[in-house]
């Protein structure tokens, strides 16, 4: 693999020139390190969102000097406890830190910090591919400093820690998730000794906050092939600690010669399929969780074999508990995932049968604005290896999509409210609020969804009068 070891072009940009000048003015050695260096070497087509600068001196003083040189004097944020400072400049985070040594307590991933050399700072980095630095000093400007052969690990597509991996992961257990995330993002392997160390230290994950864990899961979910990350998490024993609802799906049982598919591996295949068509993070979460209700609902009977009755309903309830446990948002994002899980079988059943207008109307009504997301999820759920069945399912889904457009244009049932309001029913029959109003509104809604009457006011009023009469109500107005 050819690497872009020439940094001259990118270092000639104004940001780096300002940092170089400020460092020279203060007389302190300064370097750019970490992800920017790695991604430049890999020639990743990725717009940088942050630059990390290490100086053998005060990172805060350097940040202040850089701030004074930048146009429009951008805001400076200082974190004295860690000796760091940050500037947001033209959409890019510029982070400055003094070179440091770190030591850790057993109950925290927050280190005790003291001043150190560039080598000390590189020693504390998580992985060799993130420990490379490029000099911003006049005497060797643009020189790559790579004490741990990170370039070689890039060549071999390997995630490796600079120091003993057991110590690295024990000190900061979040690095275990970061190792798996980088392996997934970059399509790298994790060095075997490092992988073994993650398995050995997996209990240390307990000191990491749920928010930081979820942040790494989001990044794994955002990759092209998330299954790689989840399989690694499972391999080292972390997945069971984070998402036991997923690992509970593992395995194939056989009773009287009848088996069911392994829903764990099926789920990961669905997620990968979905990622080919959408970058919607929460739809990806829905794909990951769409079958979690199958573990608690799995049953065997001699008449029908293996069943998972109501697994969508059970799974949707489990979504709430899972989000709450991981301190994920319990807002519209969670409700969206719940809805997708709850409805995840509806279009599949529809695609297997004759597509009736009534069934399509109900699907549109229940899914509302998310009907397209639901169809995208369900198409990803087609994992059959039989080419004829695969083609037939996809053809049927295309028929469903066309039918949705046709029915919606004609009947306007997406997010519809019955044409007759509760107030009109009360006025017509001289009623106070009560169950009769709900009964009549439900009859009107069902009649529209079934196609018995059009979604129009006059037709709904006529049915209202008919249903009111059936309930023994008398009209007060015509």
Protein backbone atom coordinates (compact mmCIF):
# COMPACT_ATOMS: atom_id res chain seq x y z
CA UNK A 1 0.00 0.00 0.00
CA UNK A 2 1.31 3.47 -0.90
CA UNK A 3 1.06 6.01 1.91
CA UNK A 4 0.88 9.79 1.64
CA UNK A 5 3.97 10.43 3.80
CA UNK A 6 4.41 13.87 2.26
CA UNK A 7 2.55 16.31 4.52
CA UNK A 8 3.87 19.48 2.87
CA UNK A 9 0.70 20.39 0.97
CA UNK A 10 -1.70 20.05 3.89
CA UNK A 11 0.73 21.68 6.34
CA UNK A 12 0.91 24.74 4.11
CA UNK A 13 -2.74 25.56 4.88
CA UNK A 14 -3.39 28.61 7.12
CA UNK A 15 -4.33 26.69 10.26
CA UNK A 16 -1.02 24.87 10.43
CA UNK A 17 0.91 28.00 9.56
CA UNK A 18 -0.74 29.84 12.45
CA UNK A 19 0.09 27.00 14.87
CA UNK A 20 3.67 26.83 13.59
CA UNK A 21 4.15 30.59 14.06
CA UNK A 22 2.58 30.61 17.54
CA UNK A 23 4.76 27.68 18.68
CA UNK A 24 7.91 29.41 17.35
CA UNK A 25 6.94 32.61 19.13
CA UNK A 26 6.63 30.72 22.44
CA UNK A 27 9.73 28.64 21.73
CA UNK A 28 7.99 25.29 22.38
CA UNK A 29 8.19 22.12 20.27
CA UNK A 30 4.79 21.28 18.75
CA UNK A 31 3.36 18.38 16.76
CA UNK A 32 0.09 17.34 15.14
CA UNK A 33 -0.87 13.81 16.23
CA UNK A 34 -3.58 11.16 16.11
CA UNK A 35 -6.45 10.70 13.71
CA UNK A 36 -5.49 13.44 11.27
CA UNK A 37 -2.06 11.87 10.72
CA UNK A 38 -3.54 8.38 10.37
CA UNK A 39 -6.26 9.44 7.94
CA UNK A 40 -3.84 11.48 5.81
CA UNK A 41 -1.49 8.50 5.52
CA UNK A 42 -4.41 6.26 4.52
CA UNK A 43 -5.63 8.93 2.07
CA UNK A 44 -9.12 8.52 3.47
CA UNK A 45 -11.61 10.70 1.62
CA UNK A 46 -12.76 12.18 4.88
CA UNK A 47 -13.22 15.85 5.66
CA UNK A 48 -11.25 16.49 8.87
CA UNK A 49 -13.35 17.63 11.81
CA UNK A 50 -10.56 17.95 14.36
CA UNK A 51 -6.81 18.44 14.70
CA UNK A 52 -4.94 17.38 17.84
CA UNK A 53 -1.79 19.33 18.68
CA UNK A 54 0.74 18.24 21.32
CA UNK A 55 3.34 20.66 22.62
CA UNK A 56 6.26 20.10 24.97
CA UNK A 57 5.05 22.97 27.12
CA UNK A 58 1.68 24.50 27.93
CA UNK A 59 -1.11 23.50 25.59
CA UNK A 60 -3.27 26.28 27.03
CA UNK A 61 -0.64 28.96 26.34
CA UNK A 62 -0.22 27.66 22.79
CA UNK A 63 -4.00 27.74 22.25
CA UNK A 64 -4.16 31.35 23.43
CA UNK A 65 -1.34 32.32 21.07
CA UNK A 66 -3.06 30.57 18.16
CA UNK A 67 -6.41 32.18 19.01
CA UNK A 68 -4.80 35.62 18.83
CA UNK A 69 -3.52 34.89 15.32
CA UNK A 70 -6.74 33.45 13.85
CA UNK A 71 -9.17 35.78 12.03
CA UNK A 72 -12.25 36.94 13.96
CA UNK A 73 -10.76 35.67 17.26
CA UNK A 74 -12.72 32.41 17.64
CA UNK A 75 -13.89 31.20 21.04
CA UNK A 76 -11.35 29.44 23.26
CA UNK A 77 -12.44 26.75 25.74
CA UNK A 78 -9.95 25.91 28.49
CA UNK A 79 -9.92 22.72 30.61
CA UNK A 80 -7.34 23.45 33.32
CA UNK A 81 -7.72 20.07 35.07
CA UNK A 82 -6.38 18.27 32.01
CA UNK A 83 -4.15 21.08 30.73
CA UNK A 84 -6.06 21.20 27.45
CA UNK A 85 -7.74 23.89 25.37
CA UNK A 86 -9.96 23.86 22.30
CA UNK A 87 -10.76 26.31 19.53
CA UNK A 88 -13.57 25.87 17.04
CA UNK A 89 -12.34 27.39 13.77
CA UNK A 90 -14.24 27.15 10.47
CA UNK A 91 -16.06 24.01 11.59
CA UNK A 92 -12.91 22.24 12.81
CA UNK A 93 -12.00 21.53 16.44
CA UNK A 94 -8.40 22.53 17.18
CA UNK A 95 -7.38 20.79 20.40
CA UNK A 96 -4.15 21.66 22.23
CA UNK A 97 -2.53 19.68 25.01
CA UNK A 98 0.80 19.70 26.74
CA UNK A 99 2.83 16.49 26.34
CA UNK A 100 2.11 14.40 29.41
CA UNK A 101 2.52 11.19 31.34
CA UNK A 102 -0.55 9.45 32.72
CA UNK A 103 -1.23 7.09 35.60
CA UNK A 104 -4.57 5.50 36.45
CA UNK A 105 -6.57 4.45 39.50
CA UNK A 106 -8.38 1.13 39.37
CA UNK A 107 -11.84 2.66 39.72
CA UNK A 108 -11.57 5.37 37.06
CA UNK A 109 -10.53 5.89 33.46
CA UNK A 110 -9.65 9.52 34.27
CA UNK A 111 -5.84 9.64 34.59
CA UNK A 112 -3.53 11.42 36.98
CA UNK A 113 -1.53 13.71 34.69
CA UNK A 114 1.98 15.16 34.86
CA UNK A 115 4.16 16.93 32.31
CA UNK A 116 6.20 14.75 29.98
CA UNK A 117 8.06 14.50 26.70
CA UNK A 118 6.69 13.80 23.23
CA UNK A 119 7.70 10.16 23.73
CA UNK A 120 5.76 10.03 27.02
CA UNK A 121 2.75 11.41 25.20
CA UNK A 122 3.03 8.88 22.38
CA UNK A 123 3.37 6.09 24.96
CA UNK A 124 -0.04 6.96 26.43
CA UNK A 125 -1.84 6.76 23.07
CA UNK A 126 -4.33 3.95 22.54
CA UNK A 127 -3.03 2.40 19.30
CA UNK A 128 0.14 2.58 17.23
CA UNK A 129 -1.78 3.97 14.26
CA UNK A 130 -2.95 6.84 16.47
CA UNK A 131 0.45 7.47 18.08
CA UNK A 132 2.17 8.88 15.01
CA UNK A 133 3.08 12.57 15.07
CA UNK A 134 4.19 15.12 12.49
CA UNK A 135 6.57 17.89 13.50
CA UNK A 136 5.53 21.53 13.19
CA UNK A 137 8.98 22.75 14.22
CA UNK A 138 11.22 24.73 11.84
CA UNK A 139 14.16 22.32 11.98
CA UNK A 140 12.18 19.23 10.87
CA UNK A 141 8.80 20.63 9.72
CA UNK A 142 6.59 17.91 8.23
CA UNK A 143 8.69 14.99 9.49
CA UNK A 144 6.76 11.87 10.54
CA UNK A 145 7.66 10.59 14.02
CA UNK A 146 6.62 6.96 14.37
CA UNK A 147 8.22 5.24 17.39
CA UNK A 148 5.90 2.20 17.40
CA UNK A 149 5.90 1.32 13.68
CA UNK A 150 2.36 2.55 13.19
CA UNK A 151 3.07 2.90 9.48
CA UNK A 152 3.84 -0.81 9.35
CA UNK A 153 0.58 -1.56 11.17
CA UNK A 154 -1.28 0.55 8.61
CA UNK A 155 0.37 -1.53 5.91
CA UNK A 156 -0.72 -4.76 7.64
CA UNK A 157 -4.16 -3.38 8.55
CA UNK A 158 -3.56 -4.10 12.22
CA UNK A 159 -4.85 -2.58 15.45
CA UNK A 160 -2.08 -2.81 18.06
CA UNK A 161 -1.36 -0.99 21.31
CA UNK A 162 1.97 0.86 21.78
CA UNK A 163 2.57 -0.74 25.19
CA UNK A 164 1.34 -3.89 26.97
CA UNK A 165 -2.30 -4.27 25.87
CA UNK A 166 -3.41 -5.61 29.26
CA UNK A 167 -2.20 -2.41 30.92
CA UNK A 168 -3.57 -0.25 28.09
CA UNK A 169 -7.08 -1.73 28.36
CA UNK A 170 -7.10 -1.99 32.14
CA UNK A 171 -6.10 1.68 32.49
CA UNK A 172 -8.81 2.89 30.13
CA UNK A 173 -11.37 0.16 29.29
CA UNK A 174 -13.05 2.41 26.72
CA UNK A 175 -10.07 1.57 24.51
CA UNK A 176 -11.46 -1.96 24.17
CA UNK A 177 -14.50 -0.57 22.38
CA UNK A 178 -12.33 1.86 20.43
CA UNK A 179 -10.17 -1.02 19.18
CA UNK A 180 -13.24 -2.80 17.86
CA UNK A 181 -14.67 0.41 16.43
CA UNK A 182 -11.45 1.23 14.54
CA UNK A 183 -11.20 -2.34 13.27
CA UNK A 184 -14.74 -1.99 11.94
CA UNK A 185 -14.32 1.51 10.48
CA UNK A 186 -11.00 0.76 8.77
CA UNK A 187 -11.63 -2.93 8.04
CA UNK A 188 -8.53 -3.83 10.06
CA UNK A 189 -7.76 -6.82 12.29
CA UNK A 190 -6.95 -6.60 15.98
CA UNK A 191 -3.60 -8.13 16.94
CA UNK A 192 -4.19 -11.48 18.69
CA UNK A 193 -2.43 -10.51 21.93
CA UNK A 194 -4.55 -7.36 22.00
CA UNK A 195 -7.71 -9.35 21.34
CA UNK A 196 -6.81 -11.75 24.15
CA UNK A 197 -6.19 -8.79 26.47
CA UNK A 198 -9.67 -7.40 25.73
CA UNK A 199 -11.21 -10.75 26.68
CA UNK A 200 -9.12 -10.80 29.85
CA UNK A 201 -10.02 -7.24 30.87
CA UNK A 202 -13.65 -7.19 29.72
CA UNK A 203 -15.00 -6.86 33.28
CA UNK A 204 -13.27 -3.47 33.48
CA UNK A 205 -15.90 -2.09 31.10
CA UNK A 206 -18.11 -1.65 34.17
CA UNK A 207 -16.33 1.59 35.07
CA UNK A 208 -17.22 3.18 31.71
CA UNK A 209 -20.35 5.31 31.56
CA UNK A 210 -23.25 4.10 29.46
CA UNK A 211 -23.09 7.29 27.41
CA UNK A 212 -19.50 6.61 26.29
CA UNK A 213 -20.34 3.00 25.47
CA UNK A 214 -23.30 4.05 23.33
CA UNK A 215 -21.15 6.65 21.56
CA UNK A 216 -18.84 3.86 20.38
CA UNK A 217 -21.81 1.66 19.42
CA UNK A 218 -23.17 4.53 17.32
CA UNK A 219 -19.85 4.75 15.50
CA UNK A 220 -19.86 1.01 14.84
CA UNK A 221 -23.45 1.27 13.61
CA UNK A 222 -22.43 4.08 11.25
CA UNK A 223 -19.89 1.90 9.40
CA UNK A 224 -20.49 0.14 6.09
CA UNK A 225 -20.44 -3.34 7.66
CA UNK A 226 -21.44 -3.12 11.36
CA UNK A 227 -21.58 -6.92 11.70
CA UNK A 228 -17.79 -6.98 11.88
CA UNK A 229 -17.87 -4.90 15.05
CA UNK A 230 -20.69 -6.85 16.67
CA UNK A 231 -19.01 -10.17 15.90
CA UNK A 232 -15.80 -8.90 17.52
CA UNK A 233 -17.77 -7.65 20.53
CA UNK A 234 -19.29 -11.10 20.82
CA UNK A 235 -15.95 -12.85 20.36
CA UNK A 236 -14.32 -11.06 23.30
CA UNK A 237 -17.37 -11.29 25.59
CA UNK A 238 -18.33 -7.62 25.57
CA UNK A 239 -21.59 -7.92 23.63
CA UNK A 240 -23.25 -10.04 26.29
CA UNK A 241 -22.44 -7.35 28.88
CA UNK A 242 -23.77 -4.50 26.72
CA UNK A 243 -26.61 -6.01 24.66
CA UNK A 244 -27.65 -9.37 26.17
CA UNK A 245 -30.88 -9.11 24.17
CA UNK A 246 -28.78 -9.80 21.06
CA UNK A 247 -26.66 -12.65 22.39
CA UNK A 248 -29.83 -14.32 23.67
CA UNK A 249 -30.74 -14.83 20.00
CA UNK A 250 -27.70 -17.04 19.38
CA UNK A 251 -28.00 -20.72 18.60
CA UNK A 252 -30.14 -23.20 16.72
CA UNK A 253 -32.38 -25.64 18.58
CA UNK A 254 -33.67 -28.91 17.19
CA UNK A 255 -36.75 -30.73 18.42
CA UNK A 256 -38.12 -33.77 16.61
CA UNK A 257 -35.99 -32.97 13.60
CA UNK A 258 -37.27 -29.40 13.30
CA UNK A 259 -34.92 -26.45 13.65
CA UNK A 260 -35.12 -22.65 13.43
CA UNK A 261 -32.55 -20.24 12.00
CA UNK A 262 -29.91 -18.61 14.18
CA UNK A 263 -31.56 -15.25 14.77
CA UNK A 264 -28.33 -13.62 15.97
CA UNK A 265 -26.48 -14.09 12.69
CA UNK A 266 -29.65 -13.37 10.75
CA UNK A 267 -29.96 -10.05 12.59
CA UNK A 268 -26.40 -9.02 11.72
CA UNK A 269 -27.06 -9.89 8.08
CA UNK A 270 -30.18 -7.69 8.12
CA UNK A 271 -28.17 -4.79 9.58
CA UNK A 272 -25.50 -5.12 6.87
CA UNK A 273 -28.18 -5.30 4.17
CA UNK A 274 -29.85 -2.15 5.51
CA UNK A 275 -26.57 -0.24 5.60
CA UNK A 276 -26.30 -0.59 1.82
CA UNK A 277 -29.41 1.56 1.37
CA UNK A 278 -29.62 4.03 4.27
CA UNK A 279 -27.43 6.00 6.68
CA UNK A 280 -30.34 6.55 9.09
CA UNK A 281 -28.75 5.64 12.44
CA UNK A 282 -32.03 4.93 14.20
CA UNK A 283 -33.31 2.74 11.38
CA UNK A 284 -30.04 0.81 11.71
CA UNK A 285 -30.79 0.41 15.42
CA UNK A 286 -34.25 -0.85 14.49
CA UNK A 287 -32.65 -3.46 12.24
CA UNK A 288 -30.34 -4.54 15.07
CA UNK A 289 -33.24 -4.90 17.49
CA UNK A 290 -36.04 -6.03 15.19
CA UNK A 291 -35.94 -9.66 16.35
CA UNK A 292 -35.01 -9.29 20.03
CA UNK A 293 -38.50 -10.41 21.02
CA UNK A 294 -37.87 -13.84 19.50
CA UNK A 295 -35.78 -15.16 22.40
CA UNK A 296 -38.48 -14.73 25.08
CA UNK A 297 -41.34 -15.84 22.78
CA UNK A 298 -39.73 -18.94 21.23
CA UNK A 299 -41.86 -22.07 21.61
CA UNK A 300 -42.16 -25.47 19.98
CA UNK A 301 -45.33 -27.38 19.25
CA UNK A 302 -45.75 -30.62 17.37
CA UNK A 303 -48.47 -29.15 15.16
CA UNK A 304 -46.64 -26.11 13.79
CA UNK A 305 -43.02 -26.47 14.93
CA UNK A 306 -41.12 -23.42 16.16
CA UNK A 307 -43.10 -20.23 16.74
CA UNK A 308 -42.33 -16.71 17.94
CA UNK A 309 -45.85 -15.41 18.50
CA UNK A 310 -46.12 -11.69 19.25
CA UNK A 311 -42.33 -11.28 19.15
CA UNK A 312 -42.77 -7.85 17.53
CA UNK A 313 -44.96 -6.63 20.40
CA UNK A 314 -42.61 -8.07 23.02
CA UNK A 315 -39.59 -6.71 21.17
CA UNK A 316 -41.03 -3.19 21.04
CA UNK A 317 -41.47 -3.24 24.82
CA UNK A 318 -37.90 -4.49 25.20
CA UNK A 319 -36.64 -1.54 23.15
CA UNK A 320 -37.77 0.87 25.87
CA UNK A 321 -36.03 -1.12 28.62
CA UNK A 322 -32.85 -1.39 26.55
CA UNK A 323 -32.76 2.34 25.75
CA UNK A 324 -33.38 3.20 29.40
CA UNK A 325 -30.65 0.85 30.64
CA UNK A 326 -28.08 2.26 28.21
CA UNK A 327 -29.22 5.85 28.91
CA UNK A 328 -30.15 6.34 25.28
CA UNK A 329 -32.77 8.97 24.37
CA UNK A 330 -36.30 8.09 25.48
CA UNK A 331 -37.79 10.51 22.99
CA UNK A 332 -39.06 10.34 19.40
CA UNK A 333 -35.93 8.42 18.36
CA UNK A 334 -36.77 5.61 20.76
CA UNK A 335 -40.42 5.68 19.70
CA UNK A 336 -39.35 5.44 16.06
CA UNK A 337 -37.27 2.33 16.80
CA UNK A 338 -40.17 0.87 18.78
CA UNK A 339 -42.58 1.44 15.90
CA UNK A 340 -40.21 -0.14 13.39
CA UNK A 341 -39.72 -3.20 15.62
CA UNK A 342 -43.45 -3.50 16.33
CA UNK A 343 -44.37 -3.30 12.62
CA UNK A 344 -41.35 -5.16 11.26
CA UNK A 345 -43.34 -8.16 10.02
CA UNK A 346 -46.32 -6.32 8.54
CA UNK A 347 -44.96 -5.55 5.05
CA UNK A 348 -43.35 -9.00 4.85
CA UNK A 349 -46.72 -10.68 5.42
CA UNK A 350 -48.24 -8.28 2.91
CA UNK A 351 -45.59 -9.15 0.31
CA UNK A 352 -46.38 -12.85 0.67
CA UNK A 353 -50.10 -12.48 -0.04
CA UNK A 354 -52.32 -10.80 -2.59
CA UNK A 355 -51.87 -7.08 -2.01
CA UNK A 356 -55.32 -5.73 -1.17
CA UNK A 357 -56.23 -2.05 -0.98
CA UNK A 358 -57.52 -2.59 2.55
CA UNK A 359 -54.23 -4.06 3.80
CA UNK A 360 -52.26 -1.25 2.17
CA UNK A 361 -54.52 1.41 3.67
CA UNK A 362 -53.95 -0.05 7.13
CA UNK A 363 -50.21 -0.20 6.59
CA UNK A 364 -50.10 3.45 5.50
CA UNK A 365 -52.32 4.51 8.39
CA UNK A 366 -50.33 2.64 11.05
CA UNK A 367 -46.85 3.50 9.73
CA UNK A 368 -47.67 7.11 8.92
CA UNK A 369 -44.64 9.10 7.78
CA UNK A 370 -42.38 6.10 8.39
CA UNK A 371 -43.86 3.72 5.83
CA UNK A 372 -40.85 4.11 3.52
CA UNK A 373 -38.44 3.40 6.39
CA UNK A 374 -40.48 0.34 7.30
CA UNK A 375 -40.33 -1.02 3.76
CA UNK A 376 -36.58 -0.39 3.63
CA UNK A 377 -36.15 -2.36 6.86
CA UNK A 378 -38.32 -5.21 5.64
CA UNK A 379 -36.50 -5.50 2.33
CA UNK A 380 -33.24 -5.77 4.27
CA UNK A 381 -34.88 -8.58 6.24
CA UNK A 382 -34.98 -10.77 3.13
CA UNK A 383 -31.99 -13.03 3.75
CA UNK A 384 -33.10 -16.18 1.96
CA UNK A 385 -30.34 -17.85 -0.06
CA UNK A 386 -32.88 -19.23 -2.54
CA UNK A 387 -32.50 -16.95 -5.62
CA UNK A 388 -36.07 -17.52 -6.84
CA UNK A 389 -37.62 -16.71 -3.46
CA UNK A 390 -35.30 -13.72 -3.06
CA UNK A 391 -36.37 -12.33 -6.44
CA UNK A 392 -40.06 -13.03 -5.76
CA UNK A 393 -40.02 -11.23 -2.40
CA UNK A 394 -38.36 -8.18 -3.91
CA UNK A 395 -40.81 -8.14 -6.81
CA UNK A 396 -43.69 -8.32 -4.35
CA UNK A 397 -42.25 -5.45 -2.33
CA UNK A 398 -42.14 -3.37 -5.51
CA UNK A 399 -45.82 -4.16 -6.01
CA UNK A 400 -46.50 -3.05 -2.41
CA UNK A 401 -44.62 0.22 -3.00
CA UNK A 402 -46.61 0.94 -6.17
CA UNK A 403 -49.85 0.08 -4.39
CA UNK A 404 -48.99 2.46 -1.53
CA UNK A 405 -48.56 5.34 -3.99
CA UNK A 406 -51.82 4.49 -5.74
CA UNK A 407 -53.88 4.10 -2.55
CA UNK A 408 -52.42 7.19 -0.87
CA UNK A 409 -53.11 9.37 -3.91
CA UNK A 410 -56.70 8.19 -3.94
CA UNK A 411 -57.60 7.79 -0.27
CA UNK A 412 -55.23 10.13 1.63
CA UNK A 413 -55.03 7.90 4.71
CA UNK A 414 -51.50 8.70 5.84
CA UNK A 415 -51.81 10.33 9.29
CA UNK A 416 -55.48 10.93 8.59
CA UNK A 417 -58.04 11.88 11.19
CA UNK A 418 -61.63 10.69 10.68
CA UNK A 419 -63.54 13.38 8.71
CA UNK A 420 -66.10 13.60 11.51
CA UNK A 421 -64.92 15.14 14.78
CA UNK A 422 -65.99 14.21 18.28
CA UNK A 423 -67.48 17.69 18.66
CA UNK A 424 -69.78 17.15 15.65
CA UNK A 425 -70.93 13.78 17.01
CA UNK A 426 -71.76 15.35 20.38
CA UNK A 427 -73.59 18.23 18.72
CA UNK A 428 -75.52 15.93 16.38
CA UNK A 429 -76.76 13.63 19.13
CA UNK A 430 -76.74 16.06 22.06
CA UNK A 431 -74.13 14.04 23.91
CA UNK A 432 -71.65 14.76 26.64
CA UNK A 433 -68.15 13.20 26.34
CA UNK A 434 -68.55 9.43 26.61
CA UNK A 435 -67.82 6.04 25.09
CA UNK A 436 -70.43 6.42 22.33
CA UNK A 437 -68.28 9.07 20.62
CA UNK A 438 -65.26 6.75 20.51
CA UNK A 439 -67.39 3.88 19.18
CA UNK A 440 -68.75 5.98 16.30
CA UNK A 441 -65.33 7.42 15.41
CA UNK A 442 -63.82 3.93 15.40
CA UNK A 443 -66.60 2.64 13.11
CA UNK A 444 -65.94 5.49 10.67
CA UNK A 445 -62.18 4.90 10.74
CA UNK A 446 -62.59 1.15 10.14
CA UNK A 447 -65.04 1.74 7.29
CA UNK A 448 -62.60 4.07 5.55
CA UNK A 449 -59.64 1.70 6.02
CA UNK A 450 -61.68 -1.22 4.77
CA UNK A 451 -62.79 0.79 1.74
CA UNK A 452 -66.46 0.61 2.66
CA UNK A 453 -66.80 4.39 2.39
CA UNK A 454 -64.48 6.99 0.82
CA UNK A 455 -62.37 9.23 3.06
CA UNK A 456 -64.81 12.12 2.61
CA UNK A 457 -66.92 14.24 4.97
CA UNK A 458 -70.38 13.55 3.52
CA UNK A 459 -69.91 9.79 3.48
CA UNK A 460 -68.58 9.86 7.04
CA UNK A 461 -71.56 11.93 8.25
CA UNK A 462 -74.02 9.44 6.76
CA UNK A 463 -72.24 6.57 8.51
CA UNK A 464 -72.18 8.59 11.74
CA UNK A 465 -75.97 8.92 11.62
CA UNK A 466 -76.39 5.23 10.89
CA UNK A 467 -74.11 4.13 13.73
CA UNK A 468 -75.73 6.61 16.13
CA UNK A 469 -79.13 5.15 15.34
CA UNK A 470 -77.76 1.63 15.94
CA UNK A 471 -76.64 2.77 19.39
CA UNK A 472 -80.13 4.12 20.12
CA UNK A 473 -79.11 7.78 19.89
CA UNK A 474 -81.46 10.47 18.66
CA UNK A 475 -80.34 13.38 16.52
CA UNK A 476 -80.89 16.86 17.82
CA UNK A 477 -79.95 18.50 14.48
CA UNK A 478 -80.11 17.57 10.84
